[in-house]
Amino acid sequence: MDEDLEPVVVHRATLSDVEAMHELVNTFAQKGLMLPRSRNQFYQDIRDFFVAEKGGEFAGCGALHVTWVDLGEIRSLAVEERFQGNGVGARIVEALLADARSLNLPRVFALTYQQGFFAHFGFCELDKDQLPHKVWGECINCPKFPNCDETAVVLDL
């Protein structure tokens, strides 16, 4: 079967997904496109993550991190380069937003270089200063801190 015709299957991450998630996210982190994550962070936050598979192969991942009673963050959203552009990222975001809705989270944000991608889901740009200070807890580990060049996007659910 043609790889492009294979369905994208998204499911909650399991412990057996950690190595692939770790490798993918840190490959993009080495390019300065996202924050690096340790294996320990993946294990600790495994319940936040969803994984996409295409043709039975690991294709990408993303997490919904609950920041507070009224706010969640989509983070560590990454798609293997060979699977980009064919709906894998969109399917992950759809799963993360469904998870946010099931938790009754009223608002979700992301810090991204891909504002156009998030705009397809209704996210709007937001001045980072409008986000609560607690969302910046992991930013101290970023090599770009305190000069973040990502754009904040937000969606009211």
Foldseek 3Di string as FASTA:
>chain_A
DDQLPFDKDKDQADLVCLVVLLVFLVVCVVVVFFPHDDSVRCVVQSRQKMFIDGPNHTFWMWGWADQDQAEIEIGSTGGDPVPPPRCNSVVRVVVNVVVCVVSVHFKYKYFGPCVVVVVVVVWDWDDPVPDDPSVCVCVVRRPCPPPDPTTMTMDGD
